[in-house]
């Protein structure tokens, strides 16, 4: 869609200004697309790292507190809580639970 109707007569200087304006808008739109793509990529990388950390922490908790490995009653309760937090994808709670459990078990 053109900003200037075709019936309006423009001078040479006005045409040059209009072309420069159109080029500037195109460059800004291209730059905005690049920024949007970079932000999406950063978000995907953050979510991937978070998921990887969650899995690592869950595996570590399973190795230490699984009822087949650790026969204490406390370990069984801790493992139930870890499973609950893992389903919610709350790795901060799992990590803090493991830190507290390390001192009690």
C-alpha atoms as a PDB file:
ATOM      1  CA  UNK A   1       0.000   0.000   0.000  1.00  0.00           C
ATOM      2  CA  UNK A   2       1.402   3.333  -1.010  1.00  0.00           C
ATOM      3  CA  UNK A   3       1.374   6.280   1.370  1.00  0.00           C
ATOM      4  CA  UNK A   4       1.198   8.916  -1.370  1.00  0.00           C
ATOM      5  CA  UNK A   5      -1.693   8.752  -3.852  1.00  0.00           C
ATOM      6  CA  UNK A   6      -0.532   8.495  -7.459  1.00  0.00           C
ATOM      7  CA  UNK A   7      -2.333  11.703  -8.517  1.00  0.00           C
ATOM      8  CA  UNK A   8      -0.091  13.923  -6.367  1.00  0.00           C
ATOM      9  CA  UNK A   9       2.891  15.389  -8.228  1.00  0.00           C
ATOM     10  CA  UNK A  10       6.182  15.226  -6.326  1.00  0.00           C
ATOM     11  CA  UNK A  11       9.389  17.084  -6.988  1.00  0.00           C
ATOM     12  CA  UNK A  12      12.700  15.280  -7.352  1.00  0.00           C
ATOM     13  CA  UNK A  13      13.735  16.172  -3.797  1.00  0.00           C
ATOM     14  CA  UNK A  14      10.444  14.952  -2.377  1.00  0.00           C
ATOM     15  CA  UNK A  15      10.792  11.648  -4.212  1.00  0.00           C
ATOM     16  CA  UNK A  16      14.297  11.152  -2.802  1.00  0.00           C
ATOM     17  CA  UNK A  17      13.043  11.909   0.727  1.00  0.00           C
ATOM     18  CA  UNK A  18      10.139   9.489   0.277  1.00  0.00           C
ATOM     19  CA  UNK A  19      12.482   6.747  -0.951  1.00  0.00           C
ATOM     20  CA  UNK A  20      14.822   7.314   2.004  1.00  0.00           C
ATOM     21  CA  UNK A  21      11.837   7.168   4.362  1.00  0.00           C
ATOM     22  CA  UNK A  22      10.679   3.867   2.848  1.00  0.00           C
ATOM     23  CA  UNK A  23      14.201   2.408   3.101  1.00  0.00           C
ATOM     24  CA  UNK A  24      14.473   3.478   6.753  1.00  0.00           C
ATOM     25  CA  UNK A  25      11.132   1.837   7.573  1.00  0.00           C
ATOM     26  CA  UNK A  26      12.191  -1.374   5.809  1.00  0.00           C
ATOM     27  CA  UNK A  27      15.485  -1.428   7.761  1.00  0.00           C
ATOM     28  CA  UNK A  28      13.662  -0.858  11.062  1.00  0.00           C
ATOM     29  CA  UNK A  29      11.225  -3.686  10.327  1.00  0.00           C
ATOM     30  CA  UNK A  30      14.098  -5.998   9.376  1.00  0.00           C
ATOM     31  CA  UNK A  31      15.966  -5.059  12.572  1.00  0.00           C
ATOM     32  CA  UNK A  32      12.827  -5.676  14.675  1.00  0.00           C
ATOM     33  CA  UNK A  33      12.421  -9.138  13.098  1.00  0.00           C
ATOM     34  CA  UNK A  34      16.051  -9.936  13.916  1.00  0.00           C
ATOM     35  CA  UNK A  35      15.596  -8.818  17.543  1.00  0.00           C
ATOM     36  CA  UNK A  36      12.392 -10.879  17.866  1.00  0.00           C
ATOM     37  CA  UNK A  37      14.124 -13.997  16.502  1.00  0.00           C
ATOM     38  CA  UNK A  38      17.074 -13.535  18.876  1.00  0.00           C
ATOM     39  CA  UNK A  39      14.727 -13.152  21.862  1.00  0.00           C
ATOM     40  CA  UNK A  40      12.859 -16.319  20.897  1.00  0.00           C
ATOM     41  CA  UNK A  41      16.149 -18.215  20.533  1.00  0.00           C
ATOM     42  CA  UNK A  42      17.302 -17.008  23.975  1.00  0.00           C
ATOM     43  CA  UNK A  43      14.025 -18.096  25.540  1.00  0.00           C
ATOM     44  CA  UNK A  44      14.263 -21.562  23.961  1.00  0.00           C
ATOM     45  CA  UNK A  45      17.856 -21.934  25.196  1.00  0.00           C
ATOM     46  CA  UNK A  46      16.834 -20.876  28.736  1.00  0.00           C
ATOM     47  CA  UNK A  47      13.921 -23.333  28.792  1.00  0.00           C
ATOM     48  CA  UNK A  48      16.145 -26.132  27.476  1.00  0.00           C
ATOM     49  CA  UNK A  49      18.756 -25.462  30.174  1.00  0.00           C
ATOM     50  CA  UNK A  50      16.052 -25.343  32.835  1.00  0.00           C
ATOM     51  CA  UNK A  51      14.642 -28.693  31.658  1.00  0.00           C
ATOM     52  CA  UNK A  52      18.129 -30.213  31.613  1.00  0.00           C
ATOM     53  CA  UNK A  53      18.818 -28.974  35.155  1.00  0.00           C
ATOM     54  CA  UNK A  54      15.491 -30.363  36.321  1.00  0.00           C
ATOM     55  CA  UNK A  55      16.267 -33.798  34.896  1.00  0.00           C
ATOM     56  CA  UNK A  56      19.764 -33.824  36.406  1.00  0.00           C
ATOM     57  CA  UNK A  57      18.483 -32.856  39.833  1.00  0.00           C
ATOM     58  CA  UNK A  58      15.675 -35.424  39.626  1.00  0.00           C
ATOM     59  CA  UNK A  59      18.127 -38.186  38.682  1.00  0.00           C
ATOM     60  CA  UNK A  60      20.393 -37.234  41.554  1.00  0.00           C
ATOM     61  CA  UNK A  61      17.456 -37.298  43.985  1.00  0.00           C
ATOM     62  CA  UNK A  62      16.332 -40.676  42.637  1.00  0.00           C
ATOM     63  CA  UNK A  63      19.774 -42.148  43.152  1.00  0.00           C
ATOM     64  CA  UNK A  64      19.962 -40.919  46.740  1.00  0.00           C
ATOM     65  CA  UNK A  65      16.408 -41.249  48.035  1.00  0.00           C
ATOM     66  CA  UNK A  66      14.680 -43.989  46.034  1.00  0.00           C
ATOM     67  CA  UNK A  67      13.130 -46.576  48.431  1.00  0.00           C
ATOM     68  CA  UNK A  68      15.031 -49.409  46.722  1.00  0.00           C
ATOM     69  CA  UNK A  69      18.342 -47.674  47.474  1.00  0.00           C
ATOM     70  CA  UNK A  70      17.651 -45.899  50.756  1.00  0.00           C
ATOM     71  CA  UNK A  71      15.510 -47.878  53.219  1.00  0.00           C
ATOM     72  CA  UNK A  72      14.804 -45.062  55.690  1.00  0.00           C
ATOM     73  CA  UNK A  73      11.237 -43.779  56.127  1.00  0.00           C
ATOM     74  CA  UNK A  74      12.442 -40.223  55.634  1.00  0.00           C
ATOM     75  CA  UNK A  75      13.931 -41.087  52.246  1.00  0.00           C
ATOM     76  CA  UNK A  76      10.600 -42.485  51.066  1.00  0.00           C
ATOM     77  CA  UNK A  77       8.792 -39.273  52.087  1.00  0.00           C
ATOM     78  CA  UNK A  78      11.454 -37.157  50.416  1.00  0.00           C
ATOM     79  CA  UNK A  79      11.155 -39.155  47.194  1.00  0.00           C
ATOM     80  CA  UNK A  80       7.378 -38.636  47.151  1.00  0.00           C
ATOM     81  CA  UNK A  81       7.895 -34.895  47.500  1.00  0.00           C
ATOM     82  CA  UNK A  82      10.570 -34.920  44.791  1.00  0.00           C
ATOM     83  CA  UNK A  83       8.158 -36.714  42.426  1.00  0.00           C
ATOM     84  CA  UNK A  84       5.474 -34.156  43.216  1.00  0.00           C
ATOM     85  CA  UNK A  85       7.803 -31.234  42.477  1.00  0.00           C
ATOM     86  CA  UNK A  86       9.105 -32.931  39.319  1.00  0.00           C
ATOM     87  CA  UNK A  87       5.576 -33.214  37.948  1.00  0.00           C
ATOM     88  CA  UNK A  88       5.168 -29.467  38.545  1.00  0.00           C
ATOM     89  CA  UNK A  89       8.603 -28.830  36.972  1.00  0.00           C
ATOM     90  CA  UNK A  90       9.676 -26.934  40.078  1.00  0.00           C
ATOM     91  CA  UNK A  91      13.393 -27.646  40.195  1.00  0.00           C
ATOM     92  CA  UNK A  92      14.133 -24.979  42.815  1.00  0.00           C
ATOM     93  CA  UNK A  93      11.936 -26.828  45.313  1.00  0.00           C
ATOM     94  CA  UNK A  94      13.587 -30.155  44.482  1.00  0.00           C
ATOM     95  CA  UNK A  95      17.030 -28.638  44.957  1.00  0.00           C
ATOM     96  CA  UNK A  96      16.139 -27.024  48.294  1.00  0.00           C
ATOM     97  CA  UNK A  97      14.448 -30.235  49.454  1.00  0.00           C
ATOM     98  CA  UNK A  98      17.583 -32.212  48.615  1.00  0.00           C
ATOM     99  CA  UNK A  99      19.782 -29.694  50.420  1.00  0.00           C
ATOM    100  CA  UNK A 100      17.634 -29.971  53.551  1.00  0.00           C
ATOM    101  CA  UNK A 101      17.430 -33.762  53.281  1.00  0.00           C
ATOM    102  CA  UNK A 102      21.195 -34.111  53.003  1.00  0.00           C
ATOM    103  CA  UNK A 103      21.503 -32.876  56.560  1.00  0.00           C
ATOM    104  CA  UNK A 104      18.688 -35.046  57.960  1.00  0.00           C
ATOM    105  CA  UNK A 105      19.182 -38.418  56.208  1.00  0.00           C
END
